[in-house]
Amino acid sequence: MGKSNGTANEQYFSSAPQSADVRKTLEVTLRDHPVTVETSNGVFSAHRVDLGTSVLLRHAPMPPLEGTFLDLGCGWGAIALALALESPEATVYAVDVNERAIELARSNAEANGCGNIHAGTAAVVPGDVRFDVIWSNPPIRIGKEALHELLMEWLPRLASDGHAYLVVQRNLGSDSLIPWLAEHLGDGYEVGKYASSKGYRVIDVHKLA
C-alpha cells in the first residue's frame, strides 16, 4: 500500500511489482530510534521515509508498553519498526498487499531485532484479533471507494478504548474523511483531528470503552 503519483507507480498497489527488485540500504531515524533498512523498487517511498509517515511518527502519542498493534499499509516497515521499537513487549502486525513490501518489512524487522513484528497480507492477522493501536499512512490514491472499504474493514477491529492514528494529506481529503468516518463508524467512536503539519492531518479514531 502507499500512495502513487501516476500509472507508473500503480505497482505499489499490486501484489507483485513488475519492476526489477533492486535493493537499497537506508539509514533512518524512527522516533529517535536509528535503524538500517533495505528498500527496493516497486515499494512505496523507496528512497526515504516519506513526509506523511514522518508527520505521523512525529505527532502520534506514545503507544502502550504492550498490546496488539497494526501498521496498515506497511510498505517496507517504517511504522511497524517504530511501534515495535517503542513497545518491545507489544505484538505488531504489518499488513500490505505488495509481496515485495512484505518481504522487506519482514527482513527489516529481523535485521533490527524486532521479533515482535508479524508482516504479511491481511491473512496474517487472525480473525479474532483486536488492536489497541493502529497507525497508518493509508493508500489514499487507490480511490475513495476502495479506501473507505479498507478503513471500514480494519477500524472496527479496534479494541475497547483503542486508538487509530491516520495521516492524510489535507489536499487529498483529510478534512472530509473525518466526518465520513464519524458517520460510518457510529456512536461508539470519536473521530477528530489530532495534529496538523506540513500539509498533513493526523486523524484520531477512538473506540470508546
Protein backbone atom coordinates (compact mmCIF):
# COMPACT_ATOMS: atom_id res chain seq x y z
CA MET A 1 0.00 0.00 0.00
CA GLY A 2 1.02 3.62 -0.07
CA LYS A 3 0.47 6.46 -2.48
CA SER A 4 1.27 6.72 -6.16
CA ASN A 5 1.69 9.66 -8.46
CA GLY A 6 0.51 8.09 -11.70
CA THR A 7 0.26 4.91 -13.68
CA ALA A 8 3.99 4.23 -13.43
CA ASN A 9 3.56 3.70 -9.70
CA GLU A 10 0.35 1.67 -9.70
CA GLN A 11 2.50 -1.38 -8.97
CA TYR A 12 2.64 -0.20 -5.34
CA PHE A 13 -0.95 -1.39 -5.04
CA SER A 14 -0.40 -4.73 -6.79
CA SER A 15 0.67 -7.93 -5.10
CA ALA A 16 3.61 -8.47 -7.47
CA PRO A 17 5.52 -5.37 -8.68
CA GLN A 18 6.78 -5.67 -12.25
CA SER A 19 9.93 -3.58 -11.71
CA ALA A 20 13.32 -5.12 -11.02
CA ASP A 21 13.95 -5.88 -7.35
CA VAL A 22 16.94 -3.57 -6.83
CA ARG A 23 17.70 -3.28 -3.13
CA LYS A 24 18.90 -0.08 -1.47
CA THR A 25 20.17 0.40 2.07
CA LEU A 26 18.95 3.39 4.08
CA GLU A 27 19.93 4.66 7.49
CA VAL A 28 16.93 6.41 9.03
CA THR A 29 15.71 7.51 12.45
CA LEU A 30 12.22 6.48 13.53
CA ARG A 31 11.03 8.31 16.66
CA ASP A 32 14.62 8.65 17.90
CA HIS A 33 15.45 5.03 17.04
CA PRO A 34 18.26 4.80 14.43
CA VAL A 35 17.76 1.83 12.11
CA THR A 36 19.31 0.45 8.95
CA VAL A 37 16.77 -0.85 6.45
CA GLU A 38 16.54 -2.20 2.93
CA THR A 39 14.08 -0.85 0.37
CA SER A 40 13.51 -1.63 -3.30
CA ASN A 41 11.81 -0.54 -6.49
CA GLY A 42 8.10 -1.15 -6.66
CA VAL A 43 7.64 -0.34 -2.96
CA PHE A 44 6.21 2.92 -1.67
CA SER A 45 8.80 5.55 -0.69
CA ALA A 46 11.84 3.51 -1.63
CA HIS A 47 14.32 6.34 -1.17
CA ARG A 48 13.37 7.81 2.20
CA VAL A 49 10.78 7.94 4.96
CA ASP A 50 8.02 9.84 3.15
CA LEU A 51 6.72 13.12 4.54
CA GLY A 52 3.32 11.77 5.62
CA THR A 53 4.86 8.93 7.59
CA SER A 54 7.34 11.38 9.14
CA VAL A 55 4.45 13.59 10.28
CA LEU A 56 2.65 10.60 11.79
CA LEU A 57 5.76 9.38 13.62
CA ARG A 58 6.47 12.87 14.93
CA HIS A 59 2.98 13.54 16.27
CA ALA A 60 1.40 10.23 17.29
CA PRO A 61 1.44 9.76 21.07
CA MET A 62 3.47 7.07 22.79
CA PRO A 63 1.82 3.71 22.29
CA PRO A 64 1.13 1.48 25.31
CA LEU A 65 4.04 -0.59 26.57
CA GLU A 66 2.25 -3.74 25.47
CA GLY A 67 -0.79 -4.80 23.49
CA THR A 68 -1.62 -5.63 19.89
CA PHE A 69 -0.78 -3.03 17.24
CA LEU A 70 -1.34 -2.67 13.48
CA ASP A 71 0.60 -0.89 10.75
CA LEU A 72 -1.95 -0.81 7.91
CA GLY A 73 -0.22 -0.43 4.54
CA CYS A 74 3.22 -1.14 5.95
CA GLY A 75 5.42 -0.75 2.87
CA TRP A 76 8.99 -1.62 3.86
CA GLY A 77 8.02 -1.31 7.51
CA ALA A 78 8.83 2.17 8.82
CA ILE A 79 5.74 2.50 11.03
CA ALA A 80 5.84 -1.12 12.21
CA LEU A 81 9.50 -0.72 13.19
CA ALA A 82 8.74 2.46 15.12
CA LEU A 83 5.91 0.75 17.01
CA ALA A 84 8.00 -2.34 17.74
CA LEU A 85 10.96 -0.33 18.98
CA GLU A 86 8.77 1.90 21.16
CA SER A 87 6.94 -1.07 22.65
CA PRO A 88 9.11 -4.22 22.54
CA GLU A 89 6.54 -6.20 24.56
CA ALA A 90 3.74 -5.50 22.06
CA THR A 91 2.67 -7.67 19.13
CA VAL A 92 2.86 -5.66 15.90
CA TYR A 93 1.10 -6.74 12.72
CA ALA A 94 2.40 -5.15 9.49
CA VAL A 95 -0.11 -5.60 6.65
CA ASP A 96 0.23 -4.85 2.94
CA VAL A 97 -0.88 -6.25 -0.42
CA ASN A 98 2.56 -5.87 -2.03
CA GLU A 99 4.57 -9.09 -1.59
CA ARG A 100 7.88 -7.30 -2.09
CA ALA A 101 6.98 -4.79 0.62
CA ILE A 102 6.01 -7.64 2.94
CA GLU A 103 9.33 -9.40 2.33
CA LEU A 104 11.20 -6.16 3.08
CA ALA A 105 9.17 -5.50 6.22
CA ARG A 106 10.00 -8.99 7.46
CA SER A 107 13.71 -8.71 6.72
CA ASN A 108 13.93 -5.19 8.18
CA ALA A 109 12.23 -6.39 11.35
CA GLU A 110 14.70 -9.24 11.67
CA ALA A 111 17.72 -7.04 10.93
CA ASN A 112 16.70 -4.59 13.65
CA GLY A 113 15.90 -7.18 16.30
CA CYS A 114 12.14 -6.71 16.17
CA GLY A 115 10.90 -10.26 16.57
CA ASN A 116 7.52 -8.88 17.68
CA ILE A 117 6.62 -7.83 14.10
CA HIS A 118 4.42 -10.16 12.03
CA ALA A 119 4.34 -8.98 8.41
CA GLY A 120 2.04 -10.31 5.72
CA THR A 121 -1.18 -9.84 3.81
CA ALA A 122 -4.44 -9.43 5.69
CA ALA A 123 -4.46 -13.21 6.12
CA VAL A 124 -1.58 -12.95 8.63
CA VAL A 125 -3.97 -11.44 11.19
CA PRO A 126 -6.25 -13.96 12.96
CA GLY A 127 -9.88 -13.02 12.60
CA ASP A 128 -10.46 -12.60 16.33
CA VAL A 129 -7.56 -10.18 16.89
CA ARG A 130 -8.44 -6.69 18.09
CA PHE A 131 -6.00 -3.80 18.07
CA ASP A 132 -5.09 -1.46 20.90
CA VAL A 133 -3.30 0.82 18.42
CA ILE A 134 -3.49 1.29 14.65
CA TRP A 135 -1.03 3.60 12.92
CA SER A 136 -1.41 4.09 9.18
CA ASN A 137 -0.38 6.20 6.22
CA PRO A 138 -3.30 4.85 4.19
CA PRO A 139 -3.25 4.49 0.39
CA ILE A 140 -5.41 7.48 -0.50
CA ARG A 141 -4.76 7.17 -4.22
CA ILE A 142 -6.40 3.77 -4.55
CA GLY A 143 -9.60 5.80 -4.82
CA LYS A 144 -12.23 6.91 -2.35
CA GLU A 145 -14.42 3.82 -2.56
CA ALA A 146 -11.53 1.38 -2.11
CA LEU A 147 -10.08 3.49 0.70
CA HIS A 148 -13.39 3.62 2.54
CA GLU A 149 -13.75 -0.15 2.19
CA LEU A 150 -10.24 -0.68 3.55
CA LEU A 151 -10.74 1.59 6.54
CA MET A 152 -14.12 0.07 7.39
CA GLU A 153 -12.54 -3.38 7.27
CA TRP A 154 -9.88 -2.55 9.87
CA LEU A 155 -11.01 0.35 12.08
CA PRO A 156 -13.92 -1.62 13.60
CA ARG A 157 -11.29 -4.07 14.84
CA LEU A 158 -10.03 -1.56 17.39
CA ALA A 159 -10.20 -2.88 20.93
CA SER A 160 -12.24 -1.09 23.57
CA ASP A 161 -10.54 2.27 24.27
CA GLY A 162 -8.19 1.68 21.32
CA HIS A 163 -6.93 4.46 19.07
CA ALA A 164 -6.11 4.63 15.38
CA TYR A 165 -3.93 7.44 14.05
CA LEU A 166 -4.18 8.01 10.30
CA VAL A 167 -2.07 10.55 8.40
CA VAL A 168 -3.77 12.05 5.34
CA GLN A 169 -2.73 14.94 3.12
CA ARG A 170 -5.03 17.92 3.52
CA ASN A 171 -5.49 18.46 -0.23
CA LEU A 172 -6.35 14.77 -0.68
CA GLY A 173 -9.41 14.89 1.51
CA SER A 174 -8.36 14.59 5.15
CA ASP A 175 -10.95 17.10 6.36
CA SER A 176 -13.83 15.38 4.55
CA LEU A 177 -12.66 11.95 5.75
CA ILE A 178 -13.16 12.91 9.41
CA PRO A 179 -16.97 13.39 9.25
CA TRP A 180 -17.29 10.39 6.90
CA LEU A 181 -15.56 8.13 9.42
CA ALA A 182 -17.60 9.56 12.30
CA GLU A 183 -20.84 8.85 10.43
CA HIS A 184 -19.98 5.34 9.28
CA LEU A 185 -18.29 4.13 12.45
CA GLY A 186 -21.21 5.34 14.54
CA ASP A 187 -21.82 6.28 18.16
CA GLY A 188 -19.20 4.00 19.66
CA TYR A 189 -16.36 6.08 18.25
CA GLU A 190 -14.92 9.58 18.46
CA VAL A 191 -13.16 10.90 15.34
CA GLY A 192 -11.22 14.14 15.17
CA LYS A 193 -8.11 15.96 14.07
CA TYR A 194 -5.20 15.15 16.37
CA ALA A 195 -2.43 17.19 14.74
CA SER A 196 -1.58 19.17 11.59
CA SER A 197 1.83 19.62 9.98
CA LYS A 198 3.34 20.25 6.54
CA GLY A 199 0.04 19.93 4.70
CA TYR A 200 -1.00 16.74 6.52
CA ARG A 201 -3.60 15.94 9.14
CA VAL A 202 -3.25 13.21 11.74
CA ILE A 203 -6.75 11.84 12.37
CA ASP A 204 -7.52 10.16 15.72
CA VAL A 205 -10.16 7.43 15.71
CA HIS A 206 -11.00 6.41 19.29
CA LYS A 207 -13.18 3.40 20.03
CA LEU A 208 -14.96 4.28 23.24
CA ALA A 209 -14.65 1.96 26.20
